[in-house]
Amino acid sequence: MKLIKATEDRPGKKAALTEAIEVSKYELLLFTDADCTPVSNYWIESMVGVMLSKTQYEIVIGYGPMQKTSGLLNDFVRYETILTAIQYVTYALSGLPYMGVGRNMMIKKSLFKSVNGYKTHQHIPSGDDDLLIRSAATSRNTAVNISSESFVYSAAKTNLTDYVNQKTRHITSAMHYKGIHKVLLGLFALSQTGFYLLWLTCLICDIISIPVILGMLIFKWIIQLCCHHASIKRLDGTDLWWKFPVLDAIMTLYLFVVAFMSFFRKKSW
């Protein structure tokens, strides 16, 4: 293994990654972060296997779960990571890839160079993963890999302020997604927050009886649990199953906070 030190000191990872890619000798580029831990010795083999399974594949989007520790913050960080993965994996399988995670992603060097790498968004400190997918991914050239032996774990944030800052930074990348993706993801956020706003309005204004309101809430949770059960289990979140009502409610608050904070965030790393 050869360690290469970047010559440019710019915010984010894009300049350093570009230098590393330029000196790389091979066609397949597998990305991860220094603080990540593959779950098995077959991580590389698994990602390469998916890439080579069909000739048209030029991108493989993997999954990077968060390490499990104690506490509600860790539960939510892991849940949010799983929910995000459900979205980007499902969209990719439906022919609408929009993001990947830099801690577990593979792309062909020829494709990276054909889209000019990070050039179109090099002014944005974040987005070395999802904005690259925006530029390079199509319905034909993108595969996903959620085999358990391909997982790459990261340590979750243990401080709420650090976590919110991290997620608001990610929002700056999401603002540069394609229009169709922003609309669909916006509809998800609107449905999530809109339901709870409606629920609280009915409760406060006494428009509907409390048993009916609780019935609506329980019905929502049952539907979501039925839809997400297999995915949550496959993405290493089985222990979060019984905590779902609390995590779902926190998700609504999280969407409001992150959206609000992103308006006041300075454009820095």
Protein backbone atom coordinates (compact mmCIF):
# COMPACT_ATOMS: atom_id res chain seq x y z
CA MET A 1 0.00 0.00 0.00
CA LYS A 2 1.33 3.44 -0.97
CA LEU A 3 0.39 6.54 0.99
CA ILE A 4 -0.04 9.66 -1.13
CA LYS A 5 -0.19 13.10 0.45
CA ALA A 6 -2.32 15.75 -1.24
CA THR A 7 -0.48 18.85 -2.45
CA GLU A 8 -3.54 21.12 -2.35
CA ASP A 9 -5.22 22.19 0.86
CA ARG A 10 -8.83 22.96 -0.02
CA PRO A 11 -12.07 22.54 1.94
CA GLY A 12 -13.60 19.10 1.51
CA LYS A 13 -12.10 16.04 -0.12
CA LYS A 14 -12.47 16.73 -3.82
CA ALA A 15 -9.02 18.17 -4.53
CA ALA A 16 -7.28 15.35 -2.65
CA LEU A 17 -9.42 12.68 -4.30
CA THR A 18 -8.76 14.14 -7.74
CA GLU A 19 -5.01 13.96 -7.17
CA ALA A 20 -5.25 10.37 -5.93
CA ILE A 21 -7.38 9.32 -8.91
CA GLU A 22 -4.92 10.90 -11.34
CA VAL A 23 -2.06 8.75 -10.05
CA SER A 24 -4.13 5.56 -9.71
CA LYS A 25 -3.11 2.79 -12.12
CA TYR A 26 -6.32 0.79 -12.38
CA GLU A 27 -9.79 1.18 -13.80
CA LEU A 28 -11.84 0.37 -10.70
CA LEU A 29 -11.91 3.01 -7.98
CA LEU A 30 -13.27 1.91 -4.60
CA PHE A 31 -13.98 4.69 -2.10
CA THR A 32 -14.16 4.62 1.68
CA ASP A 33 -13.18 6.87 4.59
CA ALA A 34 -10.21 6.53 6.92
CA ASP A 35 -12.44 5.97 9.96
CA CYS A 36 -14.49 3.19 8.35
CA THR A 37 -14.31 -0.55 9.04
CA PRO A 38 -15.42 -3.19 6.50
CA VAL A 39 -17.57 -5.85 8.13
CA SER A 40 -15.66 -8.67 6.44
CA ASN A 41 -12.57 -9.55 4.43
CA TYR A 42 -14.82 -9.96 1.39
CA TRP A 43 -15.81 -6.29 1.08
CA ILE A 44 -13.62 -5.60 -1.97
CA GLU A 45 -14.46 -8.92 -3.57
CA SER A 46 -18.17 -8.27 -3.10
CA MET A 47 -18.06 -4.80 -4.64
CA VAL A 48 -15.91 -5.93 -7.58
CA GLY A 49 -18.18 -8.92 -8.13
CA VAL A 50 -21.22 -6.71 -8.55
CA MET A 51 -19.32 -4.34 -10.86
CA LEU A 52 -18.23 -7.21 -13.12
CA SER A 53 -21.58 -8.99 -13.09
CA LYS A 54 -22.81 -6.96 -16.08
CA THR A 55 -20.73 -5.18 -18.69
CA GLN A 56 -22.79 -1.98 -18.54
CA TYR A 57 -22.13 -1.39 -14.84
CA GLU A 58 -19.79 1.52 -14.17
CA ILE A 59 -20.94 2.45 -10.66
CA VAL A 60 -21.69 0.32 -7.60
CA ILE A 61 -23.45 2.00 -4.70
CA GLY A 62 -22.78 0.27 -1.38
CA TYR A 63 -24.10 0.71 2.13
CA GLY A 64 -22.36 2.20 5.15
CA PRO A 65 -24.23 1.59 8.42
CA MET A 66 -23.36 3.28 11.67
CA GLN A 67 -21.83 1.37 14.56
CA LYS A 68 -24.21 0.52 17.35
CA THR A 69 -23.67 2.05 20.79
CA SER A 70 -26.04 3.04 23.58
CA GLY A 71 -28.36 6.03 23.73
CA LEU A 72 -31.24 7.59 21.84
CA LEU A 73 -28.97 9.70 19.61
CA ASN A 74 -27.21 6.59 18.34
CA ASP A 75 -30.56 4.91 17.73
CA PHE A 76 -31.73 7.86 15.66
CA VAL A 77 -28.47 8.24 13.72
CA ARG A 78 -28.64 4.58 12.76
CA TYR A 79 -32.33 4.85 11.88
CA GLU A 80 -31.79 7.95 9.72
CA THR A 81 -28.90 6.17 7.96
CA ILE A 82 -31.13 3.18 7.25
CA LEU A 83 -34.01 5.33 6.01
CA THR A 84 -31.65 7.26 3.72
CA ALA A 85 -30.27 3.98 2.37
CA ILE A 86 -33.78 2.67 1.70
CA GLN A 87 -34.40 5.78 -0.38
CA TYR A 88 -31.23 5.87 -2.47
CA VAL A 89 -31.17 2.10 -3.02
CA THR A 90 -34.85 2.04 -4.04
CA TYR A 91 -34.41 5.00 -6.37
CA ALA A 92 -31.35 3.40 -7.98
CA LEU A 93 -33.20 0.11 -8.49
CA SER A 94 -36.05 2.10 -10.04
CA GLY A 95 -33.70 3.73 -12.55
CA LEU A 96 -33.35 7.06 -10.71
CA PRO A 97 -29.97 6.95 -8.93
CA TYR A 98 -29.28 10.19 -7.09
CA MET A 99 -26.67 9.54 -4.40
CA GLY A 100 -24.21 7.16 -2.87
CA VAL A 101 -22.07 7.23 0.26
CA GLY A 102 -18.38 7.98 -0.05
CA ARG A 103 -17.53 5.41 2.60
CA ASN A 104 -18.65 2.57 0.32
CA MET A 105 -18.84 3.30 -3.39
CA MET A 106 -17.14 2.12 -6.58
CA ILE A 107 -16.81 3.85 -9.94
CA LYS A 108 -14.80 3.23 -13.08
CA LYS A 109 -11.97 5.69 -13.64
CA SER A 110 -12.94 6.12 -17.29
CA LEU A 111 -16.44 7.24 -16.25
CA PHE A 112 -15.03 9.60 -13.63
CA LYS A 113 -12.84 11.25 -16.25
CA SER A 114 -15.61 11.35 -18.87
CA VAL A 115 -17.77 13.55 -16.60
CA ASN A 116 -14.76 15.71 -15.66
CA GLY A 117 -14.72 14.35 -12.14
CA TYR A 118 -15.68 16.97 -9.60
CA LYS A 119 -15.16 19.93 -11.91
CA THR A 120 -18.82 20.95 -12.23
CA HIS A 121 -19.24 21.12 -8.46
CA GLN A 122 -15.71 21.68 -7.17
CA HIS A 123 -16.83 25.00 -5.65
CA ILE A 124 -19.08 23.08 -3.23
CA PRO A 125 -17.01 21.66 -0.31
CA SER A 126 -19.39 18.72 0.23
CA GLY A 127 -20.82 16.30 -2.31
CA ASP A 128 -17.80 14.26 -3.33
CA ASP A 129 -20.10 11.25 -3.34
CA ASP A 130 -23.70 12.24 -4.14
CA LEU A 131 -22.89 15.02 -6.61
CA LEU A 132 -20.54 12.67 -8.44
CA ILE A 133 -23.43 10.21 -8.68
CA ARG A 134 -25.63 13.03 -9.98
CA SER A 135 -23.14 13.69 -12.77
CA ALA A 136 -22.26 10.13 -13.69
CA ALA A 137 -25.07 7.73 -12.79
CA THR A 138 -27.76 6.51 -15.19
CA SER A 139 -30.45 3.86 -15.02
CA ARG A 140 -28.20 1.45 -16.95
CA ASN A 141 -24.73 1.97 -15.53
CA THR A 142 -25.55 1.88 -11.82
CA ALA A 143 -25.81 -1.17 -9.55
CA VAL A 144 -26.39 -1.44 -5.82
CA ASN A 145 -24.77 -3.80 -3.36
CA ILE A 146 -26.47 -4.40 -0.01
CA SER A 147 -24.94 -7.80 0.62
CA SER A 148 -24.14 -8.02 4.33
CA GLU A 149 -20.50 -8.88 3.60
CA SER A 150 -20.10 -5.58 1.72
CA PHE A 151 -21.14 -3.30 4.61
CA VAL A 152 -18.62 -0.69 5.76
CA TYR A 153 -19.28 0.61 9.28
CA SER A 154 -18.61 4.13 10.56
CA ALA A 155 -18.63 5.53 14.07
CA ALA A 156 -21.78 7.56 14.64
CA LYS A 157 -21.67 11.09 15.98
CA THR A 158 -22.00 11.16 19.76
CA ASN A 159 -22.75 14.87 20.05
CA LEU A 160 -26.06 16.31 18.88
CA THR A 161 -24.51 19.59 17.70
CA ASP A 162 -21.87 17.76 15.64
CA TYR A 163 -24.53 15.57 14.09
CA VAL A 164 -26.78 18.49 13.11
CA ASN A 165 -23.81 20.34 11.62
CA GLN A 166 -22.90 17.27 9.59
CA LYS A 167 -26.42 16.86 8.23
CA THR A 168 -26.84 20.54 7.39
CA ARG A 169 -23.62 20.30 5.41
CA HIS A 170 -25.15 17.45 3.46
CA ILE A 171 -28.18 19.61 2.72
CA THR A 172 -25.94 21.98 0.75
CA SER A 173 -25.23 19.08 -1.61
CA ALA A 174 -28.87 18.08 -1.87
CA MET A 175 -29.74 21.55 -3.14
CA HIS A 176 -27.80 20.66 -6.30
CA TYR A 177 -29.62 17.42 -7.06
CA LYS A 178 -31.57 17.04 -10.28
CA GLY A 179 -35.05 18.52 -10.24
CA ILE A 180 -36.90 15.19 -10.27
CA HIS A 181 -34.94 13.98 -7.25
CA LYS A 182 -35.52 17.19 -5.30
CA VAL A 183 -39.25 16.96 -5.99
CA LEU A 184 -39.54 13.32 -4.92
CA LEU A 185 -37.41 13.74 -1.82
CA GLY A 186 -39.28 16.94 -0.99
CA LEU A 187 -42.58 15.08 -1.21
CA PHE A 188 -41.29 12.53 1.29
CA ALA A 189 -40.28 15.27 3.74
CA LEU A 190 -43.59 17.06 3.18
CA SER A 191 -45.63 13.92 3.83
CA GLN A 192 -43.64 13.14 6.98
CA THR A 193 -43.90 16.62 8.49
CA GLY A 194 -47.37 17.31 7.10
CA PHE A 195 -48.89 14.28 8.80
CA TYR A 196 -47.60 15.25 12.23
CA LEU A 197 -48.60 18.89 11.75
CA LEU A 198 -52.10 17.75 10.82
CA TRP A 199 -52.16 15.39 13.79
CA LEU A 200 -51.09 18.14 16.21
CA THR A 201 -53.54 20.65 14.70
CA CYS A 202 -56.43 18.24 15.13
CA LEU A 203 -55.32 17.50 18.68
CA ILE A 204 -54.89 21.13 19.73
CA CYS A 205 -58.06 22.40 18.04
CA ASP A 206 -60.10 19.41 19.15
CA ILE A 207 -61.30 18.88 15.58
CA ILE A 208 -61.30 15.10 15.86
CA SER A 209 -61.62 12.97 18.95
CA ILE A 210 -58.43 11.76 20.60
CA PRO A 211 -59.16 8.05 19.94
CA VAL A 212 -59.55 8.77 16.20
CA ILE A 213 -56.31 10.80 16.14
CA LEU A 214 -54.43 8.02 17.94
CA GLY A 215 -55.94 5.51 15.54
CA MET A 216 -54.61 7.51 12.58
CA LEU A 217 -51.16 7.63 14.13
CA ILE A 218 -51.09 3.91 14.90
CA PHE A 219 -52.34 3.13 11.39
CA LYS A 220 -49.48 5.18 9.91
CA TRP A 221 -46.91 3.34 12.01
CA ILE A 222 -48.32 -0.07 11.09
CA ILE A 223 -48.23 0.71 7.37
CA GLN A 224 -44.66 1.99 7.57
CA LEU A 225 -43.51 -0.93 9.67
CA CYS A 226 -44.99 -3.39 7.21
CA CYS A 227 -43.32 -1.62 4.28
CA HIS A 228 -39.93 -1.20 5.98
CA HIS A 229 -39.66 -4.39 8.00
CA ALA A 230 -37.56 -6.40 5.54
CA SER A 231 -35.36 -3.44 4.64
CA ILE A 232 -34.66 -2.44 8.24
CA LYS A 233 -33.74 -6.03 9.07
CA ARG A 234 -31.45 -6.39 6.04
CA LEU A 235 -29.72 -3.08 6.76
CA ASP A 236 -28.81 -4.10 10.32
CA GLY A 237 -31.54 -2.30 12.23
CA THR A 238 -33.51 -5.17 13.73
CA ASP A 239 -33.02 -3.84 17.26
CA LEU A 240 -34.63 -0.53 16.23
CA TRP A 241 -37.90 -2.21 15.30
CA TRP A 242 -39.72 -1.69 18.61
CA LYS A 243 -38.42 1.90 18.88
CA PHE A 244 -39.91 2.89 15.53
CA PRO A 245 -42.76 5.13 16.82
CA VAL A 246 -40.33 7.29 18.81
CA LEU A 247 -37.77 7.43 15.98
CA ASP A 248 -40.47 8.30 13.44
CA ALA A 249 -41.64 11.21 15.57
CA ILE A 250 -38.06 12.43 16.07
CA MET A 251 -37.56 12.25 12.30
CA THR A 252 -40.19 14.95 11.86
CA LEU A 253 -38.44 17.25 14.33
CA TYR A 254 -35.11 16.46 12.67
CA LEU A 255 -36.42 17.48 9.23
CA PHE A 256 -37.58 20.82 10.60
CA VAL A 257 -34.33 21.52 12.48
CA VAL A 258 -31.99 20.56 9.62
CA ALA A 259 -34.00 22.56 7.09
CA PHE A 260 -34.01 25.59 9.40
CA MET A 261 -30.30 25.35 10.22
CA SER A 262 -29.31 24.97 6.57
CA PHE A 263 -30.57 28.49 5.83
CA PHE A 264 -28.08 29.95 8.32
CA ARG A 265 -25.13 27.72 7.54
CA LYS A 266 -22.05 29.38 6.11
CA LYS A 267 -20.69 27.85 2.91
CA SER A 268 -17.70 26.18 4.51
CA TRP A 269 -16.55 22.67 5.31
